[in-house]
Amino acid sequence: LSVSWMPELERILEEMEEDKTNPEFRLWLTSMPSKAFPVAVLQAGVKMTKEPPKGLKANMRTTFLKMTDEDLQKTNKPAIYRKLLYGLCFFHALSIERKKFGPLGWNVQY
């Protein structure tokens, strides 16, 4: 969400009339934390967060527990697919894990 558009969003939501709004209406927003986010919008909504699993092993386990053997066989080269998938999942888990260290997570030589 653009910071410059936040006041407009707040105005739109404040002008909505409950009796004229469809009962099935839902507004889903995703945002990084921001001091410019309208407090009224935060107070009127339900907040949800999704935290990644703690640690590389937990992240990999979570990813692979969501897959079935059938999912892994949906290709004509399952052996190569499994290796590529593992590499991609490992890279993703590693990126998520290193992100918590900020710039140090990528710049420290070991």
Protein backbone atom coordinates (compact mmCIF):
# COMPACT_ATOMS: atom_id res chain seq x y z
CA LEU A 1 0.00 0.00 0.00
CA SER A 2 1.28 3.42 -0.92
CA VAL A 3 1.79 5.80 2.01
CA SER A 4 0.28 8.63 -0.03
CA TRP A 5 -2.92 6.59 -0.53
CA MET A 6 -3.43 5.70 3.16
CA PRO A 7 -5.58 8.78 3.98
CA GLU A 8 -7.80 7.98 0.97
CA LEU A 9 -8.22 4.38 2.19
CA GLU A 10 -9.18 5.63 5.63
CA ARG A 11 -11.73 8.06 4.13
CA ILE A 12 -13.29 5.35 1.94
CA LEU A 13 -13.68 2.94 4.86
CA GLU A 14 -15.11 5.62 7.15
CA GLU A 15 -17.73 6.56 4.53
CA MET A 16 -18.94 2.99 4.10
CA GLU A 17 -22.40 2.49 5.55
CA GLU A 18 -22.93 -0.86 7.20
CA ASP A 19 -26.58 -1.20 6.16
CA LYS A 20 -25.71 -0.49 2.49
CA THR A 21 -22.74 -2.85 2.38
CA ASN A 22 -23.09 -6.48 1.31
CA PRO A 23 -22.81 -8.71 4.42
CA GLU A 24 -20.35 -10.89 2.48
CA PHE A 25 -17.97 -7.95 1.85
CA ARG A 26 -14.40 -8.51 3.06
CA LEU A 27 -11.36 -6.33 2.52
CA TRP A 28 -8.02 -8.14 2.67
CA LEU A 29 -4.91 -6.01 2.99
CA THR A 30 -1.30 -7.03 3.19
CA SER A 31 1.26 -4.57 4.40
CA MET A 32 4.65 -4.17 5.96
CA PRO A 33 4.58 -2.41 9.34
CA SER A 34 4.24 1.33 8.78
CA LYS A 35 3.69 4.32 11.04
CA ALA A 36 1.59 5.84 8.25
CA PHE A 37 -1.00 3.03 8.37
CA PRO A 38 -4.32 4.57 9.52
CA VAL A 39 -5.08 3.66 13.13
CA ALA A 40 -8.82 3.60 12.41
CA VAL A 41 -8.32 0.89 9.77
CA LEU A 42 -6.22 -1.18 12.17
CA GLN A 43 -8.76 -0.85 14.97
CA ALA A 44 -11.70 -1.80 12.74
CA GLY A 45 -10.07 -4.94 11.33
CA VAL A 46 -8.89 -8.36 12.31
CA LYS A 47 -5.12 -8.65 12.27
CA MET A 48 -3.35 -11.82 11.20
CA THR A 49 0.33 -12.62 11.00
CA LYS A 50 2.22 -15.49 9.46
CA GLU A 51 5.60 -16.16 10.96
CA PRO A 52 7.98 -18.55 9.22
CA PRO A 53 9.04 -21.64 11.18
CA LYS A 54 12.02 -21.14 13.49
CA GLY A 55 15.14 -22.65 12.03
CA LEU A 56 16.24 -24.18 8.77
CA LYS A 57 15.17 -27.72 9.65
CA ALA A 58 11.67 -26.63 10.74
CA ASN A 59 11.21 -24.59 7.58
CA MET A 60 12.23 -27.52 5.35
CA ARG A 61 10.02 -29.93 7.30
CA THR A 62 7.01 -27.59 6.98
CA THR A 63 7.52 -27.31 3.23
CA PHE A 64 7.88 -31.03 2.58
CA LEU A 65 5.06 -32.10 4.89
CA LYS A 66 2.67 -30.19 2.62
CA MET A 67 3.63 -32.38 -0.36
CA THR A 68 2.51 -35.87 -1.27
CA ASP A 69 4.24 -38.50 -3.40
CA GLU A 70 1.60 -37.77 -6.03
CA ASP A 71 2.74 -34.12 -6.12
CA LEU A 72 6.33 -35.22 -6.66
CA GLN A 73 5.38 -37.58 -9.51
CA LYS A 74 3.57 -34.95 -11.63
CA THR A 75 6.48 -34.77 -14.04
CA ASN A 76 8.10 -37.01 -16.60
CA LYS A 77 11.49 -36.64 -14.80
CA PRO A 78 10.71 -37.14 -11.09
CA ALA A 79 14.33 -37.69 -9.99
CA ILE A 80 15.53 -34.42 -11.49
CA TYR A 81 12.41 -32.62 -10.28
CA ARG A 82 12.99 -33.76 -6.68
CA LYS A 83 16.59 -32.51 -6.74
CA LEU A 84 15.57 -29.14 -8.17
CA LEU A 85 12.70 -28.83 -5.70
CA TYR A 86 14.98 -29.65 -2.77
CA GLY A 87 17.50 -27.02 -3.90
CA LEU A 88 14.81 -24.38 -4.29
CA CYS A 89 13.24 -25.19 -0.91
CA PHE A 90 16.65 -25.17 0.80
CA PHE A 91 17.53 -21.80 -0.76
CA HIS A 92 14.18 -20.35 0.32
CA ALA A 93 14.53 -21.66 3.89
CA LEU A 94 18.09 -20.35 4.09
CA SER A 95 17.03 -16.92 2.80
CA ILE A 96 14.23 -16.71 5.37
CA GLU A 97 16.59 -17.77 8.17
CA ARG A 98 19.34 -15.31 7.22
CA LYS A 99 16.87 -12.42 6.84
CA LYS A 100 16.48 -12.14 10.61
CA PHE A 101 20.14 -11.08 10.90
CA GLY A 102 19.64 -8.10 8.60
CA PRO A 103 22.69 -6.98 6.60
CA LEU A 104 24.97 -9.08 8.79
CA GLY A 105 23.20 -12.23 7.61
CA TRP A 106 24.77 -11.85 4.18
CA ASN A 107 28.01 -9.94 4.77
CA VAL A 108 29.89 -11.92 7.41
CA GLN A 109 32.57 -14.20 5.98
CA TYR A 110 32.89 -17.56 7.67
